[in-house]
């Protein structure tokens, strides 16, 4: 009879946060191309701020998710910071478009055309990421 080590406790929230961050990062990076190609806006100067925001948030989410899955404390902190940015971006998007200041489209496809509803739906996974990354079990995962 072989003796095996007991499974490590508390890995679920950290792994879930890492996977959610990686998927969110890919979704934001998809938004760089989705806004210009699918929505038909083209490469106008008005689209550039949203595309830059997509690139920054997407890369931070990807880096944070991969680092968190690797067990790095910096990955957990990157996930927390990028989750906050991912929550702020749709709010800025909605405000700027309602004020007719600039066409600031951020994030990938959702299938929802109502701006406020789209912002709420976009917020759900990043609120979950924020909660999962802030849990003590995730902190223990990075300090193993």
Protein backbone atom coordinates (compact mmCIF):
# COMPACT_ATOMS: atom_id res chain seq x y z
CA UNK A 1 0.00 0.00 0.00
CA UNK A 2 1.53 3.29 -1.14
CA UNK A 3 1.34 6.28 1.15
CA UNK A 4 0.37 9.49 -0.60
CA UNK A 5 0.45 13.01 0.70
CA UNK A 6 -2.91 14.56 1.53
CA UNK A 7 -4.16 17.07 -1.02
CA UNK A 8 -3.33 20.69 -0.32
CA UNK A 9 -6.25 22.54 1.13
CA UNK A 10 -7.59 25.79 -0.23
CA UNK A 11 -6.34 25.54 -3.80
CA UNK A 12 -9.81 25.97 -5.33
CA UNK A 13 -10.21 29.75 -4.97
CA UNK A 14 -6.68 30.43 -6.23
CA UNK A 15 -7.02 28.18 -9.26
CA UNK A 16 -10.49 29.58 -10.03
CA UNK A 17 -9.15 33.15 -9.77
CA UNK A 18 -6.20 32.33 -12.03
CA UNK A 19 -8.38 30.71 -14.69
CA UNK A 20 -10.90 33.56 -14.49
CA UNK A 21 -8.10 36.11 -14.90
CA UNK A 22 -6.64 34.30 -17.92
CA UNK A 23 -10.07 34.04 -19.59
CA UNK A 24 -10.82 37.69 -18.78
CA UNK A 25 -7.47 38.73 -20.23
CA UNK A 26 -8.14 36.87 -23.46
CA UNK A 27 -11.62 38.44 -23.61
CA UNK A 28 -10.18 41.96 -23.23
CA UNK A 29 -7.50 41.28 -25.84
CA UNK A 30 -10.24 40.07 -28.20
CA UNK A 31 -11.89 43.44 -27.61
CA UNK A 32 -9.01 45.20 -29.39
CA UNK A 33 -10.11 43.65 -32.68
CA UNK A 34 -13.81 43.17 -31.97
CA UNK A 35 -14.58 46.88 -31.66
CA UNK A 36 -12.93 47.83 -34.92
CA UNK A 37 -13.76 44.81 -37.08
CA UNK A 38 -17.14 43.54 -35.93
CA UNK A 39 -18.71 46.83 -34.91
CA UNK A 40 -17.52 48.43 -38.14
CA UNK A 41 -15.96 51.49 -36.57
CA UNK A 42 -12.73 51.06 -38.49
CA UNK A 43 -9.41 52.42 -37.31
CA UNK A 44 -10.50 55.89 -36.31
CA UNK A 45 -8.69 57.95 -33.69
CA UNK A 46 -11.79 57.69 -31.52
CA UNK A 47 -11.30 53.94 -31.08
CA UNK A 48 -7.68 54.10 -29.95
CA UNK A 49 -8.28 54.92 -26.23
CA UNK A 50 -10.59 51.92 -25.83
CA UNK A 51 -8.16 49.66 -27.65
CA UNK A 52 -5.30 50.81 -25.44
CA UNK A 53 -7.41 50.15 -22.35
CA UNK A 54 -8.26 46.68 -23.71
CA UNK A 55 -4.58 45.92 -24.29
CA UNK A 56 -3.43 47.11 -20.86
CA UNK A 57 -6.20 45.40 -18.91
CA UNK A 58 -5.97 42.23 -20.99
CA UNK A 59 -2.21 41.92 -20.54
CA UNK A 60 -2.42 42.63 -16.80
CA UNK A 61 -5.13 40.00 -16.40
CA UNK A 62 -3.16 37.42 -18.39
CA UNK A 63 0.06 38.10 -16.51
CA UNK A 64 -1.72 38.07 -13.16
CA UNK A 65 -3.64 34.87 -13.93
CA UNK A 66 -0.61 32.93 -15.12
CA UNK A 67 1.48 34.18 -12.19
CA UNK A 68 -1.26 33.29 -9.73
CA UNK A 69 -1.56 29.80 -11.17
CA UNK A 70 2.20 29.55 -10.65
CA UNK A 71 1.75 30.46 -6.99
CA UNK A 72 3.31 33.95 -7.06
CA UNK A 73 2.09 36.61 -4.64
CA UNK A 74 2.63 39.20 -7.38
CA UNK A 75 0.08 37.31 -9.47
CA UNK A 76 -2.54 37.70 -6.76
CA UNK A 77 -1.83 41.42 -6.52
CA UNK A 78 -1.95 41.80 -10.31
CA UNK A 79 -5.29 40.00 -10.34
CA UNK A 80 -6.65 42.39 -7.71
CA UNK A 81 -5.43 45.50 -9.55
CA UNK A 82 -6.54 44.31 -12.98
CA UNK A 83 -9.96 43.27 -11.63
CA UNK A 84 -10.47 46.81 -10.35
CA UNK A 85 -9.41 48.22 -13.73
CA UNK A 86 -11.74 45.80 -15.48
CA UNK A 87 -14.59 47.06 -13.29
CA UNK A 88 -13.79 50.73 -13.88
CA UNK A 89 -13.37 50.42 -17.69
CA UNK A 90 -17.04 49.69 -18.53
CA UNK A 91 -18.14 52.51 -16.24
CA UNK A 92 -15.85 54.92 -18.09
CA UNK A 93 -17.08 53.45 -21.39
CA UNK A 94 -20.72 54.05 -20.45
CA UNK A 95 -20.17 57.58 -19.12
CA UNK A 96 -18.13 58.72 -22.12
CA UNK A 97 -20.60 57.32 -24.62
CA UNK A 98 -23.63 58.79 -22.83
CA UNK A 99 -21.92 62.18 -22.73
CA UNK A 100 -21.05 61.88 -26.45
CA UNK A 101 -17.46 62.78 -25.62
CA UNK A 102 -15.72 59.90 -27.35
CA UNK A 103 -16.45 56.45 -28.71
CA UNK A 104 -14.67 54.44 -26.03
CA UNK A 105 -15.50 50.78 -26.57
CA UNK A 106 -13.81 48.40 -24.14
CA UNK A 107 -14.04 44.65 -23.71
CA UNK A 108 -14.89 41.86 -26.06
CA UNK A 109 -18.24 40.72 -27.43
CA UNK A 110 -21.16 40.22 -25.04
CA UNK A 111 -24.13 40.15 -27.40
CA UNK A 112 -25.72 43.00 -25.40
CA UNK A 113 -26.24 46.37 -27.05
CA UNK A 114 -27.69 48.29 -24.09
CA UNK A 115 -24.71 50.13 -22.56
CA UNK A 116 -25.71 50.00 -18.89
CA UNK A 117 -26.80 46.36 -19.07
CA UNK A 118 -23.58 45.48 -20.89
CA UNK A 119 -21.53 47.16 -18.15
CA UNK A 120 -23.36 45.21 -15.46
CA UNK A 121 -22.89 41.88 -17.26
CA UNK A 122 -19.22 42.68 -17.83
CA UNK A 123 -18.75 43.41 -14.12
CA UNK A 124 -19.93 40.02 -12.84
CA UNK A 125 -16.82 37.91 -13.62
CA UNK A 126 -14.46 40.63 -12.43
CA UNK A 127 -16.30 41.05 -9.13
CA UNK A 128 -15.92 37.28 -8.73
CA UNK A 129 -12.21 37.57 -9.58
CA UNK A 130 -11.78 40.35 -7.05
CA UNK A 131 -13.44 38.29 -4.33
CA UNK A 132 -11.55 35.09 -5.18
CA UNK A 133 -8.17 36.85 -5.32
CA UNK A 134 -8.81 38.58 -1.99
CA UNK A 135 -9.73 35.40 -0.09
CA UNK A 136 -7.34 34.18 2.60
CA UNK A 137 -7.14 30.78 0.87
CA UNK A 138 -5.69 32.48 -2.21
CA UNK A 139 -3.17 34.31 -0.06
CA UNK A 140 -2.14 31.01 1.52
CA UNK A 141 -1.80 29.49 -1.96
CA UNK A 142 0.77 32.13 -2.89
CA UNK A 143 2.72 31.65 0.34
CA UNK A 144 3.05 27.88 0.21
